[in-house]
Amino acid sequence: MAPSLGTCLPDETLNAILVRLHDGGAWDPPPKRGLASCGLVCRHWAQAIRPMLFQRITLRSARDVDELFVLLAAPPLFGRTLRRCIRALHIVEDCTALSRTSWTHRLFLRLRPPSEVYWTLQGAATLAGERALFLSLPRTLPMKTSCVRCVTIAGTRLSLQHLGTILCDLPLERLKLENITFQHQSPDFSPLQRALCRRTSELHFVSATECVTRTASLPLWLKFICLLFAKRARPRVNGLLQAQLIKFINLCTSLHKHGNTIPTLSVNAVWGDIADTMNGRMTPLGYRFVVEGVASATIWTDDWFHNPAHIRQRSFVCPPAAPAALVTLLDELLERMYNPFAELLTTFKKMPDDEIYPLSIIFDSTTPVRELLGGILEQQVFARRMETFLRRIVVELPLHIGYSLEEIMSAPTAVGESDARVVLTTAQRVEWVLRRSRDAGGQWLDRRDEYRQELRAAAQPVGSIEAATLGLVPLGS
């Protein structure tokens, strides 16, 4: 290996190359073949690449553990041991092939856990796999597993008793469930509830992928996930809130024509600015329930005013559709969402702006944005009870650009005065709406006044523009 080829490139260029090849902090990172090849160029490159190459390692078998032990026993390279390079450890265990003592125990006896440990348990959907899942729990001291914050359980029949053991033994922050079924169709949650009461929960994210295979099982899964967050002081998700969530999620799923399957259901804590005086930690003031690619809803509470938990905001991800089908779809969404509460609409209209919780309708990059906004301005979209929904519906376009119906409908219909007054077309009004957007840094840019001036200038005769330039004739306001 050449000792000094690295001096041919500036350190900034070398670092840019390594960052480009580095896989980052992905949950399931790709192989690092690019970095490994670069490490053979010269000693200078190897010294820079070694910490990045071993920063995050994945172990899938006892053989991987043995190979890691061999590397750990090697003399330090470039004055730095391999143990100091490891920052994250991803353990993937096959529960169907576990021995009586899992190889994970040998790993933690020889290696001090790094700051981040990701643990994935995979098993067959059988009762034997469920027993193997329980046998795979670490039998080491609690301090050995104190940094296991993220656990993924995939492809197994879940026992609530065993799950309670995992949640109590590990200070989990993230729990991912994939293709999980319960041992019984109507499981008893009391063992899990008793287990969760034994310690303070740090859990703030739960996801269930390919678990809710029938919409009829959605109440069961919502109850299960809400129970996992029960140790959080607030907010409490009672039966009424769960019923409202179920109704909204079922509606959005049916409009997406997913049938009876909900692809991925996840719950994430929403943090506020109020510190918990009991433990000095920030506590969540809400939870965001998300059905990936379909809908989301945020349950929120306000401790300052002692308001009960409520659904503060709903979002519906509009599926790709032709403009005509889009109009029908959105009309059906509003009718089925708000019609049962028609008697409350007048109350909502009298509420202050900051107390009206909107419905965000999210469109992706394939949506014909200009046609959609044109349909709203011509009152073809959201035509029914438009006045009622002006402040309650937000149209969210790509790059997190959101316009309320009230803002869209405020687009001017004409510019200029008296003889120079020009009525704007629908396309020009749409352009005025879109002139308020975000830049690359996420900051709002408002060029609507500039566009209005352009329209005024275009409406003036050529001679009037020249005279106005000389200060003889004022331009219209």
Foldseek 3Di string as FASTA:
>chain_A
DAAPPVVVDDPVVLVVVLVVQQQPDDPDGDQSVVLVVQLPPHVVSVVVSLLRNQQEDEDEALVSLVVVVVQQPDDDDPPDGSLVSHAEYEYEYELVPADLAHSVQVNLVVHQHHQAYEYEYEYAADVSSQVSLLSHPHPDDLNSQARHAHYEYEHYAYDLLSVLVVQLSYQYAEYEYELYHHPDPQDDCVNSLVSPVPDAHNYFKYKYFQYQAFLVCQLVVVVVVLSSCVSAPDDRCDPVNSVLVSLLQVLQCVLVVPHGGQGMKMKGFAWDDDADPVPRHTGGQWIWIDRPQAKIWIWGDDVVVRGHIDTQEIEGEDDDDDPVVSQVSQVVSCCSNCVVVVVCLVVLVPDDLVRARAYEYEYEPNDPQLVVLLCLLVCSHPVPPCVSQQSRYWYAYPPRDIDGSVRSNPQDQWAFDDPLIDGDDSSLSSVLSVQFDADPVRDTDHCNVVSSVVVQVVSDDPVQVVCVVVVNHPGGD
